[in-house]
Amino acid sequence: MTYDPTGDDCPSDYSPNGKRLVITRANETTYEIDTVKLDGSGMKRITPEGMDFNFCNGNWSPQGNQIVFSAHVPNGDYHSSVWAVHFNGAGLHQLPIAGPCGGPLSDPSTYGCFNPVWSPDGQKIAFGRNQADDQRDLYTVNADGSGLFQVTNTPDISEFNGDWGTHPLTP
């Protein structure tokens, strides 16, 4: 993919057509999420300069047009929130998830939301959510950030990553 002996690259997800990857690139001067062709060519940065995102995350929508990831915005003193961006870097926006996701670490009414993944039909997003007591459970929302739903409630187990699996969705 890329070669930087002082850096750390992390592949996160294949595009639905299998021709590109979303990756994290990090070294002394670079910290960004990119898309790249499988042969390492055609690298395209999709996060703005200075955005503090969670390392090694990014999930391609089933339609291939958007990527979701989690970021600490405006800086590392904030809980992570869920963001979406067009595969070419346009249209970056935070999903307005109720609760809220994001906000200052010092505010006990805010939560961290991390490691988002698209549902197979692209209608929903699953993610981990960090409660004020550091309890982590899995949640889903609609692709527009509405309809927050708690999937797990396991006080003794902290879930970090969700996955929709290969089975069709059922109502």
C-alpha atoms as a PDB file:
ATOM      1  CA  MET A   1       0.000   0.000   0.000  1.00  0.00           C
ATOM      2  CA  THR A   2       2.295   2.711   1.292  1.00  0.00           C
ATOM      3  CA  TYR A   3       5.803   2.619   2.658  1.00  0.00           C
ATOM      4  CA  ASP A   4       7.061   4.796   5.473  1.00  0.00           C
ATOM      5  CA  PRO A   5       9.546   3.198   7.876  1.00  0.00           C
ATOM      6  CA  THR A   6       8.714   5.819  10.541  1.00  0.00           C
ATOM      7  CA  GLY A   7       4.951   5.587  10.088  1.00  0.00           C
ATOM      8  CA  ASP A   8       2.044   3.371  10.913  1.00  0.00           C
ATOM      9  CA  ASP A   9      -0.554   2.509   8.260  1.00  0.00           C
ATOM     10  CA  CYS A  10      -3.727   0.653   9.159  1.00  0.00           C
ATOM     11  CA  PRO A  11      -6.135  -0.753   6.561  1.00  0.00           C
ATOM     12  CA  SER A  12      -9.720  -0.448   7.803  1.00  0.00           C
ATOM     13  CA  ASP A  13     -12.160  -1.591   5.110  1.00  0.00           C
ATOM     14  CA  TYR A  14     -12.477  -2.572   1.444  1.00  0.00           C
ATOM     15  CA  SER A  15     -14.779  -0.636  -0.848  1.00  0.00           C
ATOM     16  CA  PRO A  16     -17.851  -2.657  -1.890  1.00  0.00           C
ATOM     17  CA  ASN A  17     -16.402  -3.198  -5.380  1.00  0.00           C
ATOM     18  CA  GLY A  18     -13.106  -4.396  -3.859  1.00  0.00           C
ATOM     19  CA  LYS A  19     -10.994  -1.868  -5.767  1.00  0.00           C
ATOM     20  CA  ARG A  20     -10.077   0.543  -2.943  1.00  0.00           C
ATOM     21  CA  LEU A  21      -9.297   0.553   0.761  1.00  0.00           C
ATOM     22  CA  VAL A  22      -9.942   3.109   3.468  1.00  0.00           C
ATOM     23  CA  ILE A  23      -6.772   3.392   5.571  1.00  0.00           C
ATOM     24  CA  THR A  24      -5.291   5.382   8.429  1.00  0.00           C
ATOM     25  CA  ARG A  25      -1.860   6.903   7.774  1.00  0.00           C
ATOM     26  CA  ALA A  26       0.202   8.194  10.668  1.00  0.00           C
ATOM     27  CA  ASN A  27       3.800   9.360  11.044  1.00  0.00           C
ATOM     28  CA  GLU A  28       5.599  12.356  12.539  1.00  0.00           C
ATOM     29  CA  THR A  29       3.944  14.808  10.115  1.00  0.00           C
ATOM     30  CA  THR A  30       0.819  12.983   8.893  1.00  0.00           C
ATOM     31  CA  TYR A  31      -2.348  11.834  10.627  1.00  0.00           C
ATOM     32  CA  GLU A  32      -5.161  11.236   8.162  1.00  0.00           C
ATOM     33  CA  ILE A  33      -7.729   8.849   6.756  1.00  0.00           C
ATOM     34  CA  ASP A  34      -7.298   8.116   3.048  1.00  0.00           C
ATOM     35  CA  THR A  35      -8.725   5.967   0.324  1.00  0.00           C
ATOM     36  CA  VAL A  36      -6.272   4.167  -1.935  1.00  0.00           C
ATOM     37  CA  LYS A  37      -6.323   1.675  -4.794  1.00  0.00           C
ATOM     38  CA  LEU A  38      -5.158  -1.821  -3.917  1.00  0.00           C
ATOM     39  CA  ASP A  39      -1.875  -1.310  -5.788  1.00  0.00           C
ATOM     40  CA  GLY A  40      -1.084   1.762  -3.616  1.00  0.00           C
ATOM     41  CA  SER A  41      -1.860   4.339  -6.302  1.00  0.00           C
ATOM     42  CA  GLY A  42      -4.601   6.954  -6.329  1.00  0.00           C
ATOM     43  CA  MET A  43      -4.311   7.938  -2.674  1.00  0.00           C
ATOM     44  CA  LYS A  44      -6.980  10.471  -1.670  1.00  0.00           C
ATOM     45  CA  ARG A  45      -7.130  12.139   1.748  1.00  0.00           C
ATOM     46  CA  ILE A  46     -10.688  12.277   3.123  1.00  0.00           C
ATOM     47  CA  THR A  47     -10.164  13.923   6.541  1.00  0.00           C
ATOM     48  CA  PRO A  48      -9.179  17.560   7.005  1.00  0.00           C
ATOM     49  CA  GLU A  49      -5.801  18.619   8.366  1.00  0.00           C
ATOM     50  CA  GLY A  50      -5.731  18.470  12.171  1.00  0.00           C
ATOM     51  CA  MET A  51      -8.828  16.300  12.666  1.00  0.00           C
ATOM     52  CA  ASP A  52      -8.292  14.052  15.703  1.00  0.00           C
ATOM     53  CA  PHE A  53      -9.981  10.772  14.736  1.00  0.00           C
ATOM     54  CA  ASN A  54      -9.856   7.303  16.261  1.00  0.00           C
ATOM     55  CA  PHE A  55      -6.961   5.325  14.795  1.00  0.00           C
ATOM     56  CA  CYS A  56      -7.677   2.426  12.458  1.00  0.00           C
ATOM     57  CA  ASN A  57     -11.367   3.008  11.886  1.00  0.00           C
ATOM     58  CA  GLY A  58     -13.415   3.778   8.820  1.00  0.00           C
ATOM     59  CA  ASN A  59     -16.174   1.741   7.234  1.00  0.00           C
ATOM     60  CA  TRP A  60     -17.369   1.965   3.637  1.00  0.00           C
ATOM     61  CA  SER A  61     -21.111   2.143   2.963  1.00  0.00           C
ATOM     62  CA  PRO A  62     -22.580  -0.754   0.959  1.00  0.00           C
ATOM     63  CA  GLN A  63     -23.364   1.688  -1.873  1.00  0.00           C
ATOM     64  CA  GLY A  64     -19.703   2.754  -1.944  1.00  0.00           C
ATOM     65  CA  ASN A  65     -20.436   6.462  -1.684  1.00  0.00           C
ATOM     66  CA  GLN A  66     -19.738   7.218   2.003  1.00  0.00           C
ATOM     67  CA  ILE A  67     -17.349   6.277   4.786  1.00  0.00           C
ATOM     68  CA  VAL A  68     -18.171   6.497   8.498  1.00  0.00           C
ATOM     69  CA  PHE A  69     -15.572   6.895  11.231  1.00  0.00           C
ATOM     70  CA  SER A  70     -15.261   8.282  14.748  1.00  0.00           C
ATOM     71  CA  ALA A  71     -13.353  11.413  15.736  1.00  0.00           C
ATOM     72  CA  HIS A  72     -12.597  13.591  18.764  1.00  0.00           C
ATOM     73  CA  VAL A  73     -13.729  16.997  17.570  1.00  0.00           C
ATOM     74  CA  PRO A  74     -12.544  19.650  18.094  1.00  0.00           C
ATOM     75  CA  ASN A  75      -9.628  17.976  19.936  1.00  0.00           C
ATOM     76  CA  GLY A  76      -8.509  15.090  22.140  1.00  0.00           C
ATOM     77  CA  ASP A  77     -10.301  16.620  25.147  1.00  0.00           C
ATOM     78  CA  TYR A  78     -13.632  15.610  23.585  1.00  0.00           C
ATOM     79  CA  HIS A  79     -15.432  12.278  23.495  1.00  0.00           C
ATOM     80  CA  SER A  80     -15.485  10.753  20.039  1.00  0.00           C
ATOM     81  CA  SER A  81     -18.477  11.245  17.776  1.00  0.00           C
ATOM     82  CA  VAL A  82     -19.605   9.603  14.533  1.00  0.00           C
ATOM     83  CA  TRP A  83     -18.773  11.285  11.227  1.00  0.00           C
ATOM     84  CA  ALA A  84     -19.565  10.535   7.585  1.00  0.00           C
ATOM     85  CA  VAL A  85     -17.760  11.717   4.476  1.00  0.00           C
ATOM     86  CA  HIS A  86     -18.130  11.089   0.763  1.00  0.00           C
ATOM     87  CA  PHE A  87     -15.482   8.682  -0.537  1.00  0.00           C
ATOM     88  CA  ASN A  88     -13.717  11.591  -2.279  1.00  0.00           C
ATOM     89  CA  GLY A  89     -13.503  13.727   0.890  1.00  0.00           C
ATOM     90  CA  ALA A  90     -16.493  15.979   0.171  1.00  0.00           C
ATOM     91  CA  GLY A  91     -19.476  16.495   2.455  1.00  0.00           C
ATOM     92  CA  LEU A  92     -17.835  15.790   5.807  1.00  0.00           C
ATOM     93  CA  HIS A  93     -20.442  15.972   8.568  1.00  0.00           C
ATOM     94  CA  GLN A  94     -21.073  14.784  12.111  1.00  0.00           C
ATOM     95  CA  LEU A  95     -24.104  12.542  12.562  1.00  0.00           C
ATOM     96  CA  PRO A  96     -26.516  14.238  14.999  1.00  0.00           C
ATOM     97  CA  ILE A  97     -26.930  11.259  17.339  1.00  0.00           C
ATOM     98  CA  ALA A  98     -29.132  11.924  20.362  1.00  0.00           C
ATOM     99  CA  GLY A  99     -27.566  11.525  23.730  1.00  0.00           C
ATOM    100  CA  PRO A 100     -25.260  13.186  22.606  1.00  0.00           C
ATOM    101  CA  CYS A 101     -22.217  11.578  21.027  1.00  0.00           C
ATOM    102  CA  GLY A 102     -19.229  13.822  21.525  1.00  0.00           C
ATOM    103  CA  GLY A 103     -18.795  16.727  23.883  1.00  0.00           C
ATOM    104  CA  PRO A 104     -16.152  17.624  26.461  1.00  0.00           C
ATOM    105  CA  LEU A 105     -14.636  14.787  28.518  1.00  0.00           C
ATOM    106  CA  SER A 106     -15.350  16.901  31.613  1.00  0.00           C
ATOM    107  CA  ASP A 107     -19.111  16.921  30.910  1.00  0.00           C
ATOM    108  CA  PRO A 108     -20.754  13.858  32.538  1.00  0.00           C
ATOM    109  CA  SER A 109     -23.805  14.189  30.273  1.00  0.00           C
ATOM    110  CA  THR A 110     -21.819  13.480  27.087  1.00  0.00           C
ATOM    111  CA  TYR A 111     -20.764  10.107  25.701  1.00  0.00           C
ATOM    112  CA  GLY A 112     -18.152   8.719  23.389  1.00  0.00           C
ATOM    113  CA  CYS A 113     -19.358   6.974  20.234  1.00  0.00           C
ATOM    114  CA  PHE A 114     -16.812   4.931  18.319  1.00  0.00           C
ATOM    115  CA  ASN A 115     -16.087   2.286  15.663  1.00  0.00           C
ATOM    116  CA  PRO A 116     -19.157   2.831  13.457  1.00  0.00           C
ATOM    117  CA  VAL A 117     -20.094   0.233  10.817  1.00  0.00           C
ATOM    118  CA  TRP A 118     -22.792   0.329   8.132  1.00  0.00           C
ATOM    119  CA  SER A 119     -25.598  -2.214   8.007  1.00  0.00           C
ATOM    120  CA  PRO A 120     -25.643  -4.420   4.865  1.00  0.00           C
ATOM    121  CA  ASP A 121     -28.474  -2.329   3.365  1.00  0.00           C
ATOM    122  CA  GLY A 122     -26.875   1.028   4.268  1.00  0.00           C
ATOM    123  CA  GLN A 123     -29.912   2.124   6.277  1.00  0.00           C
ATOM    124  CA  LYS A 124     -28.366   1.884   9.751  1.00  0.00           C
ATOM    125  CA  ILE A 125     -25.054   2.287  11.540  1.00  0.00           C
ATOM    126  CA  ALA A 126     -23.915   0.245  14.554  1.00  0.00           C
ATOM    127  CA  PHE A 127     -21.322   1.649  16.965  1.00  0.00           C
ATOM    128  CA  GLY A 128     -19.964   1.382  20.482  1.00  0.00           C
ATOM    129  CA  ARG A 129     -20.977   3.991  23.022  1.00  0.00           C
ATOM    130  CA  ASN A 130     -19.082   4.827  26.193  1.00  0.00           C
ATOM    131  CA  GLN A 131     -21.354   5.727  29.105  1.00  0.00           C
ATOM    132  CA  ALA A 132     -20.333   8.120  31.873  1.00  0.00           C
ATOM    133  CA  ASP A 133     -19.323   5.181  34.101  1.00  0.00           C
ATOM    134  CA  ASP A 134     -17.029   3.832  31.340  1.00  0.00           C
ATOM    135  CA  GLN A 135     -19.556   1.112  30.484  1.00  0.00           C
ATOM    136  CA  ARG A 136     -19.444   0.380  26.746  1.00  0.00           C
ATOM    137  CA  ASP A 137     -22.464  -1.054  24.925  1.00  0.00           C
ATOM    138  CA  LEU A 138     -23.505  -1.384  21.298  1.00  0.00           C
ATOM    139  CA  TYR A 139     -26.087   0.902  19.710  1.00  0.00           C
ATOM    140  CA  THR A 140     -27.609   1.503  16.295  1.00  0.00           C
ATOM    141  CA  VAL A 141     -28.946   4.609  14.576  1.00  0.00           C
ATOM    142  CA  ASN A 142     -30.496   5.312  11.220  1.00  0.00           C
ATOM    143  CA  ALA A 143     -28.029   6.537   8.590  1.00  0.00           C
ATOM    144  CA  ASP A 144     -29.103  10.150   9.309  1.00  0.00           C
ATOM    145  CA  GLY A 145     -28.310   9.803  13.050  1.00  0.00           C
ATOM    146  CA  SER A 146     -31.929   9.469  14.210  1.00  0.00           C
ATOM    147  CA  GLY A 147     -33.525   6.515  15.972  1.00  0.00           C
ATOM    148  CA  LEU A 148     -30.906   5.728  18.627  1.00  0.00           C
ATOM    149  CA  PHE A 149     -31.395   2.127  19.826  1.00  0.00           C
ATOM    150  CA  GLN A 150     -29.421   0.310  22.530  1.00  0.00           C
ATOM    151  CA  VAL A 151     -28.547  -3.215  21.366  1.00  0.00           C
ATOM    152  CA  THR A 152     -26.637  -4.517  24.397  1.00  0.00           C
ATOM    153  CA  ASN A 153     -26.855  -3.810  28.113  1.00  0.00           C
ATOM    154  CA  THR A 154     -24.054  -5.751  29.746  1.00  0.00           C
ATOM    155  CA  PRO A 155     -22.769  -4.010  32.894  1.00  0.00           C
ATOM    156  CA  ASP A 156     -19.932  -6.512  33.361  1.00  0.00           C
ATOM    157  CA  ILE A 157     -18.767  -6.584  29.723  1.00  0.00           C
ATOM    158  CA  SER A 158     -17.618  -3.644  27.589  1.00  0.00           C
ATOM    159  CA  GLU A 159     -18.307  -4.046  23.880  1.00  0.00           C
ATOM    160  CA  PHE A 160     -16.090  -2.093  21.500  1.00  0.00           C
ATOM    161  CA  ASN A 161     -16.935  -3.249  17.969  1.00  0.00           C
ATOM    162  CA  GLY A 162     -20.185  -4.213  16.333  1.00  0.00           C
ATOM    163  CA  ASP A 163     -20.655  -6.206  13.158  1.00  0.00           C
ATOM    164  CA  TRP A 164     -23.783  -6.874  11.187  1.00  0.00           C
ATOM    165  CA  GLY A 165     -22.677 -10.306   9.986  1.00  0.00           C
ATOM    166  CA  THR A 166     -23.731 -11.876   6.721  1.00  0.00           C
ATOM    167  CA  HIS A 167     -27.379 -12.616   7.491  1.00  0.00           C
ATOM    168  CA  PRO A 168     -30.167 -10.552   5.915  1.00  0.00           C
ATOM    169  CA  LEU A 169     -31.768  -7.949   8.135  1.00  0.00           C
ATOM    170  CA  THR A 170     -35.083  -8.873   9.724  1.00  0.00           C
ATOM    171  CA  PRO A 171     -37.691  -6.424  10.979  1.00  0.00           C
END
